[in-house]
Amino acid sequence: MAQHHDTHASHGADAHESHGSLKSYVLGFVLSLVLTAIPLILVLNDIVTGNAADVVLLVTAVLQFVVQLFFFMHLKEEKKPRYNLMTLLLGLVIVVTIVAGSIWIMKYNMVAH
């Protein structure tokens, strides 16, 4: 029983090694706030409109996604094999396929006209 407890304790120590520092969490939080404020300020004050607003929203959303992955989900600290990265890529392929397919169906569905 003591051996089981020691094994569990060693796994607990390994789990804490992969977490980020307070500095990385604060930096990620500040970057998230900035990437949220940029499109909000630009769009609400009519600094950018139309396609430019769409581009700003898309770019800041992608950057926000990257910040979340690296600072909060610790994707950069993953050891080999990179199962989290492979799972993420598969999820992205599925989401892009569903969204693109839905847009294609909505745009080219002649029965609905």
Protein backbone atom coordinates (compact mmCIF):
# COMPACT_ATOMS: atom_id res chain seq x y z
CA MET A 1 0.00 0.00 0.00
CA ALA A 2 2.85 2.37 0.82
CA GLN A 3 4.40 1.58 -2.54
CA HIS A 4 1.16 2.59 -4.31
CA HIS A 5 1.11 5.87 -2.39
CA ASP A 6 4.74 6.64 -3.33
CA THR A 7 4.03 5.96 -7.00
CA HIS A 8 1.02 8.26 -6.89
CA ALA A 9 3.05 10.98 -5.20
CA SER A 10 5.75 10.82 -7.88
CA HIS A 11 3.12 11.20 -10.62
CA GLY A 12 1.75 14.25 -8.79
CA ALA A 13 5.20 15.84 -8.77
CA ASP A 14 5.58 15.25 -12.52
CA ALA A 15 2.20 16.84 -13.21
CA HIS A 16 3.23 20.09 -11.53
CA GLU A 17 6.41 20.45 -13.60
CA SER A 18 4.51 21.16 -16.82
CA HIS A 19 2.55 24.11 -15.44
CA GLY A 20 3.57 27.65 -16.30
CA SER A 21 4.92 30.28 -14.01
CA LEU A 22 3.02 33.24 -12.62
CA LYS A 23 4.92 35.45 -15.07
CA SER A 24 3.71 33.45 -18.08
CA TYR A 25 0.11 33.46 -16.82
CA VAL A 26 0.17 37.22 -16.27
CA LEU A 27 1.75 37.80 -19.70
CA GLY A 28 -0.88 35.57 -21.32
CA PHE A 29 -3.67 37.36 -19.48
CA VAL A 30 -2.38 40.80 -20.52
CA LEU A 31 -1.99 39.68 -24.13
CA SER A 32 -5.54 38.31 -24.05
CA LEU A 33 -6.87 41.63 -22.75
CA VAL A 34 -4.98 43.58 -25.41
CA LEU A 35 -6.17 41.25 -28.18
CA THR A 36 -9.73 41.67 -26.94
CA ALA A 37 -9.49 45.46 -26.64
CA ILE A 38 -7.99 46.08 -30.08
CA PRO A 39 -10.96 44.95 -32.20
CA LEU A 40 -13.44 46.30 -29.66
CA ILE A 41 -11.97 49.80 -29.80
CA LEU A 42 -11.42 49.79 -33.56
CA VAL A 43 -14.93 48.56 -34.43
CA LEU A 44 -16.95 50.46 -31.82
CA ASN A 45 -15.27 53.76 -32.69
CA ASP A 46 -15.79 53.17 -36.44
CA ILE A 47 -12.04 53.35 -37.08
CA VAL A 48 -12.37 50.29 -39.35
CA THR A 49 -15.52 49.17 -41.16
CA GLY A 50 -16.56 46.57 -43.69
CA ASN A 51 -13.96 44.08 -44.85
CA ALA A 52 -11.21 45.78 -42.83
CA ALA A 53 -13.20 45.17 -39.65
CA ASP A 54 -13.64 41.52 -40.62
CA VAL A 55 -9.89 41.17 -41.17
CA VAL A 56 -9.08 42.82 -37.82
CA LEU A 57 -11.54 40.54 -36.02
CA LEU A 58 -10.22 37.43 -37.74
CA VAL A 59 -6.54 38.25 -37.14
CA THR A 60 -7.02 39.13 -33.48
CA ALA A 61 -9.17 36.01 -32.96
CA VAL A 62 -6.44 33.78 -34.40
CA LEU A 63 -3.79 35.53 -32.28
CA GLN A 64 -6.04 35.13 -29.23
CA PHE A 65 -6.29 31.40 -30.01
CA VAL A 66 -2.49 31.10 -30.23
CA VAL A 67 -2.04 32.97 -26.93
CA GLN A 68 -4.51 30.63 -25.22
CA LEU A 69 -2.72 27.57 -26.58
CA PHE A 70 0.77 28.58 -25.56
CA PHE A 71 0.22 30.44 -22.29
CA PHE A 72 -2.72 28.59 -20.76
CA MET A 73 -2.86 25.15 -22.39
CA HIS A 74 0.96 24.75 -22.30
CA LEU A 75 1.21 23.43 -25.85
CA LYS A 76 4.85 24.50 -26.13
CA GLU A 77 5.86 22.53 -23.01
CA GLU A 78 4.51 19.22 -24.26
CA LYS A 79 6.92 16.29 -24.32
CA LYS A 80 7.06 13.72 -27.11
CA PRO A 81 4.79 12.21 -28.40
CA ARG A 82 2.74 15.31 -29.09
CA TYR A 83 -0.74 13.87 -28.57
CA ASN A 84 -2.28 17.21 -27.56
CA LEU A 85 -1.04 18.86 -30.76
CA MET A 86 -2.30 15.99 -32.93
CA THR A 87 -5.69 16.10 -31.20
CA LEU A 88 -5.86 19.86 -31.64
CA LEU A 89 -5.04 19.61 -35.35
CA LEU A 90 -7.69 16.93 -35.86
CA GLY A 91 -10.23 19.11 -34.05
CA LEU A 92 -9.31 22.09 -36.24
CA VAL A 93 -9.71 20.00 -39.41
CA ILE A 94 -13.15 18.86 -38.24
CA VAL A 95 -14.27 22.39 -37.31
CA VAL A 96 -13.00 23.91 -40.57
CA THR A 97 -14.71 21.14 -42.55
CA ILE A 98 -18.02 21.67 -40.76
CA VAL A 99 -17.92 25.47 -41.05
CA ALA A 100 -16.78 25.49 -44.69
CA GLY A 101 -19.32 22.82 -45.60
CA SER A 102 -22.11 24.73 -43.87
CA ILE A 103 -21.19 27.95 -45.67
CA TRP A 104 -20.98 26.11 -48.99
CA ILE A 105 -24.41 24.50 -48.45
CA MET A 106 -25.98 27.82 -47.46
CA LYS A 107 -24.47 29.60 -50.46
CA TYR A 108 -25.16 27.03 -53.17
CA ASN A 109 -28.40 25.39 -52.01
CA MET A 110 -30.72 26.16 -54.93
CA VAL A 111 -33.71 24.42 -53.33
CA ALA A 112 -33.96 27.16 -50.69
CA HIS A 113 -34.34 29.92 -53.30
